[in-house]
Amino acid sequence: MNIVEFTDFLIKSLVREPDLVKVECFESDEDTKIIEIIVPNSEMKSLIGKNGKNASAIRTVIQAFAYTNKMKKVKINIDSY
């Protein structure tokens, strides 16, 4: 399982409408990957959580996955449409 599939699984298990979630990966430079998580505006509240605790936990889990798979740097962006 690569980092995009893992992130997709993680986010889709947290939202009410998993069909509307989109996860993409971009290469920023040689060592850095950017994971873009796009969800509907109605799902942002549950994904971010109170004081950003859910978003922080999501970032921690994804970065731990990247570390165990020998990736250098991963940045996670959460956005809505």
N, C-alpha and C. Protein backbone atom coordinates (compact mmCIF):
# COMPACT_ATOMS: atom_id res chain seq x y z
N MET A 1 0.85 -1.17 0.00
CA MET A 1 0.00 0.00 0.00
C MET A 1 0.90 1.24 0.00
N ASN A 2 0.64 2.15 -0.93
CA ASN A 2 1.42 3.38 -0.97
C ASN A 2 0.75 4.46 -0.11
N ILE A 3 1.38 5.60 -0.01
CA ILE A 3 0.90 6.64 0.90
C ILE A 3 -0.42 7.25 0.45
N VAL A 4 -0.67 7.30 -0.85
CA VAL A 4 -1.94 7.84 -1.34
C VAL A 4 -3.09 6.89 -1.00
N GLU A 5 -2.89 5.60 -1.19
CA GLU A 5 -3.92 4.63 -0.85
C GLU A 5 -4.19 4.62 0.65
N PHE A 6 -3.14 4.72 1.45
CA PHE A 6 -3.29 4.75 2.90
C PHE A 6 -4.07 5.98 3.34
N THR A 7 -3.70 7.15 2.80
CA THR A 7 -4.39 8.39 3.14
C THR A 7 -5.84 8.34 2.70
N ASP A 8 -6.09 7.83 1.50
CA ASP A 8 -7.45 7.70 0.99
C ASP A 8 -8.29 6.82 1.92
N PHE A 9 -7.75 5.68 2.33
CA PHE A 9 -8.46 4.79 3.25
C PHE A 9 -8.74 5.47 4.58
N LEU A 10 -7.75 6.17 5.11
CA LEU A 10 -7.87 6.84 6.40
C LEU A 10 -8.96 7.92 6.37
N ILE A 11 -8.92 8.77 5.36
CA ILE A 11 -9.87 9.88 5.28
C ILE A 11 -11.28 9.37 4.99
N LYS A 12 -11.40 8.41 4.09
CA LYS A 12 -12.73 7.89 3.75
C LYS A 12 -13.40 7.19 4.93
N SER A 13 -12.61 6.67 5.85
CA SER A 13 -13.19 6.04 7.03
C SER A 13 -13.65 7.06 8.07
N LEU A 14 -13.27 8.32 7.91
CA LEU A 14 -13.64 9.36 8.88
C LEU A 14 -14.81 10.23 8.44
N VAL A 15 -15.15 10.23 7.17
CA VAL A 15 -16.21 11.12 6.68
C VAL A 15 -17.50 10.36 6.42
N ARG A 16 -18.60 11.11 6.31
CA ARG A 16 -19.90 10.49 6.06
C ARG A 16 -20.14 10.18 4.58
N GLU A 17 -19.50 10.93 3.70
CA GLU A 17 -19.67 10.72 2.27
C GLU A 17 -18.31 10.40 1.64
N PRO A 18 -17.87 9.16 1.74
CA PRO A 18 -16.52 8.81 1.26
C PRO A 18 -16.35 8.91 -0.26
N ASP A 19 -17.44 8.86 -1.01
CA ASP A 19 -17.33 8.95 -2.47
C ASP A 19 -16.89 10.33 -2.94
N LEU A 20 -17.04 11.34 -2.09
CA LEU A 20 -16.71 12.71 -2.48
C LEU A 20 -15.29 13.13 -2.08
N VAL A 21 -14.53 12.22 -1.50
CA VAL A 21 -13.16 12.52 -1.05
C VAL A 21 -12.20 12.29 -2.21
N LYS A 22 -11.23 13.20 -2.32
CA LYS A 22 -10.21 13.07 -3.36
C LYS A 22 -8.84 13.28 -2.72
N VAL A 23 -7.92 12.36 -2.97
CA VAL A 23 -6.56 12.44 -2.43
C VAL A 23 -5.58 12.38 -3.60
N GLU A 24 -4.66 13.35 -3.64
CA GLU A 24 -3.66 13.40 -4.70
C GLU A 24 -2.29 13.61 -4.08
N CYS A 25 -1.27 13.17 -4.80
CA CYS A 25 0.11 13.33 -4.35
C CYS A 25 0.89 14.12 -5.40
N PHE A 26 1.65 15.10 -4.94
CA PHE A 26 2.49 15.91 -5.82
C PHE A 26 3.92 15.87 -5.30
N GLU A 27 4.87 15.92 -6.20
CA GLU A 27 6.28 16.02 -5.83
C GLU A 27 6.65 17.49 -5.78
N SER A 28 7.07 17.97 -4.63
CA SER A 28 7.46 19.36 -4.49
C SER A 28 8.91 19.55 -4.92
N ASP A 29 9.77 18.70 -4.43
CA ASP A 29 11.15 18.64 -4.89
C ASP A 29 11.61 17.19 -4.75
N GLU A 30 12.88 16.97 -4.78
CA GLU A 30 13.39 15.59 -4.79
C GLU A 30 13.03 14.80 -3.53
N ASP A 31 12.99 15.46 -2.38
CA ASP A 31 12.76 14.77 -1.12
C ASP A 31 11.35 14.94 -0.55
N THR A 32 10.57 15.88 -1.04
CA THR A 32 9.31 16.22 -0.40
C THR A 32 8.12 15.82 -1.27
N LYS A 33 7.13 15.19 -0.63
CA LYS A 33 5.86 14.90 -1.28
C LYS A 33 4.78 15.71 -0.59
N ILE A 34 3.83 16.20 -1.38
CA ILE A 34 2.70 16.93 -0.85
C ILE A 34 1.45 16.08 -1.08
N ILE A 35 0.75 15.76 -0.01
CA ILE A 35 -0.50 15.02 -0.09
C ILE A 35 -1.63 16.02 0.03
N GLU A 36 -2.45 16.11 -1.00
CA GLU A 36 -3.57 17.04 -1.05
C GLU A 36 -4.85 16.25 -0.78
N ILE A 37 -5.55 16.60 0.30
CA ILE A 37 -6.82 15.96 0.67
C ILE A 37 -7.92 16.96 0.41
N ILE A 38 -8.84 16.59 -0.48
CA ILE A 38 -9.94 17.49 -0.84
C ILE A 38 -11.25 16.81 -0.45
N VAL A 39 -12.02 17.49 0.39
CA VAL A 39 -13.30 16.97 0.87
C VAL A 39 -14.38 18.03 0.67
N PRO A 40 -15.65 17.64 0.71
CA PRO A 40 -16.72 18.65 0.64
C PRO A 40 -16.67 19.58 1.85
N ASN A 41 -17.17 20.78 1.67
CA ASN A 41 -17.17 21.77 2.73
C ASN A 41 -17.94 21.27 3.96
N SER A 42 -18.97 20.48 3.74
CA SER A 42 -19.76 19.96 4.86
C SER A 42 -18.98 18.96 5.73
N GLU A 43 -17.93 18.37 5.20
CA GLU A 43 -17.13 17.39 5.93
C GLU A 43 -15.94 18.01 6.66
N MET A 44 -15.64 19.27 6.38
CA MET A 44 -14.45 19.90 6.97
C MET A 44 -14.53 19.95 8.49
N LYS A 45 -15.71 20.20 9.03
CA LYS A 45 -15.85 20.32 10.48
C LYS A 45 -15.45 19.03 11.19
N SER A 46 -15.89 17.90 10.67
CA SER A 46 -15.55 16.63 11.32
C SER A 46 -14.10 16.23 11.05
N LEU A 47 -13.57 16.62 9.92
CA LEU A 47 -12.20 16.26 9.58
C LEU A 47 -11.18 17.09 10.36
N ILE A 48 -11.45 18.37 10.55
CA ILE A 48 -10.54 19.24 11.28
C ILE A 48 -10.66 18.99 12.79
N GLY A 49 -11.87 18.86 13.29
CA GLY A 49 -12.08 18.60 14.71
C GLY A 49 -11.96 19.85 15.55
N LYS A 50 -12.25 19.70 16.82
CA LYS A 50 -12.20 20.83 17.74
C LYS A 50 -10.74 21.25 17.95
N ASN A 51 -10.48 22.52 17.71
CA ASN A 51 -9.13 23.10 17.82
C ASN A 51 -8.11 22.41 16.93
N GLY A 52 -8.55 21.75 15.85
CA GLY A 52 -7.64 21.12 14.91
C GLY A 52 -7.04 19.82 15.39
N LYS A 53 -7.63 19.21 16.41
CA LYS A 53 -7.05 17.98 16.97
C LYS A 53 -7.14 16.81 15.99
N ASN A 54 -8.25 16.67 15.27
CA ASN A 54 -8.36 15.58 14.30
C ASN A 54 -7.36 15.76 13.17
N ALA A 55 -7.24 16.98 12.66
CA ALA A 55 -6.29 17.24 11.58
C ALA A 55 -4.86 16.96 12.02
N SER A 56 -4.53 17.33 13.24
CA SER A 56 -3.20 17.07 13.77
C SER A 56 -2.94 15.57 13.89
N ALA A 57 -3.94 14.83 14.35
CA ALA A 57 -3.80 13.37 14.46
C ALA A 57 -3.65 12.73 13.09
N ILE A 58 -4.41 13.21 12.10
CA ILE A 58 -4.31 12.68 10.73
C ILE A 58 -2.90 12.92 10.19
N ARG A 59 -2.40 14.13 10.38
CA ARG A 59 -1.04 14.44 9.92
C ARG A 59 0.00 13.54 10.59
N THR A 60 -0.16 13.30 11.88
CA THR A 60 0.78 12.46 12.62
C THR A 60 0.78 11.03 12.09
N VAL A 61 -0.40 10.48 11.85
CA VAL A 61 -0.51 9.10 11.37
C VAL A 61 0.08 8.97 9.97
N ILE A 62 -0.21 9.93 9.09
CA ILE A 62 0.32 9.87 7.73
C ILE A 62 1.84 10.03 7.73
N GLN A 63 2.36 10.93 8.55
CA GLN A 63 3.80 11.11 8.63
C GLN A 63 4.49 9.89 9.23
N ALA A 64 3.82 9.21 10.16
CA ALA A 64 4.38 7.97 10.71
C ALA A 64 4.43 6.89 9.64
N PHE A 65 3.39 6.81 8.81
CA PHE A 65 3.38 5.86 7.70
C PHE A 65 4.53 6.16 6.74
N ALA A 66 4.72 7.43 6.43
CA ALA A 66 5.81 7.83 5.53
C ALA A 66 7.17 7.49 6.13
N TYR A 67 7.33 7.71 7.41
CA TYR A 67 8.61 7.42 8.07
C TYR A 67 8.92 5.93 8.04
N THR A 68 7.91 5.09 8.29
CA THR A 68 8.15 3.65 8.28
C THR A 68 8.42 3.12 6.89
N ASN A 69 8.03 3.89 5.85
CA ASN A 69 8.29 3.49 4.46
C ASN A 69 9.45 4.26 3.85
N LYS A 70 10.31 4.83 4.70
CA LYS A 70 11.56 5.48 4.29
C LYS A 70 11.38 6.67 3.36
N MET A 71 10.30 7.44 3.56
CA MET A 71 10.10 8.68 2.81
C MET A 71 10.71 9.82 3.62
N LYS A 72 11.31 10.77 2.93
CA LYS A 72 12.01 11.85 3.62
C LYS A 72 11.03 12.82 4.28
N LYS A 73 10.28 13.57 3.48
CA LYS A 73 9.37 14.58 4.01
C LYS A 73 8.02 14.46 3.34
N VAL A 74 6.97 14.64 4.13
CA VAL A 74 5.60 14.63 3.61
C VAL A 74 4.87 15.81 4.21
N LYS A 75 4.24 16.58 3.36
CA LYS A 75 3.38 17.69 3.81
C LYS A 75 1.95 17.32 3.46
N ILE A 76 1.02 17.63 4.36
CA ILE A 76 -0.38 17.30 4.16
C ILE A 76 -1.20 18.57 4.12
N ASN A 77 -1.93 18.77 3.04
CA ASN A 77 -2.83 19.90 2.88
C ASN A 77 -4.26 19.39 2.87
N ILE A 78 -5.11 19.97 3.70
CA ILE A 78 -6.53 19.61 3.74
C ILE A 78 -7.32 20.79 3.22
N ASP A 79 -8.13 20.57 2.20
CA ASP A 79 -8.88 21.66 1.58
C ASP A 79 -10.30 21.18 1.29
N SER A 80 -11.17 22.11 1.02
CA SER A 80 -12.56 21.76 0.71
C SER A 80 -12.98 22.39 -0.62
N TYR A 81 -14.08 21.92 -1.15
CA TYR A 81 -14.66 22.51 -2.36
C TYR A 81 -16.10 22.82 -2.16
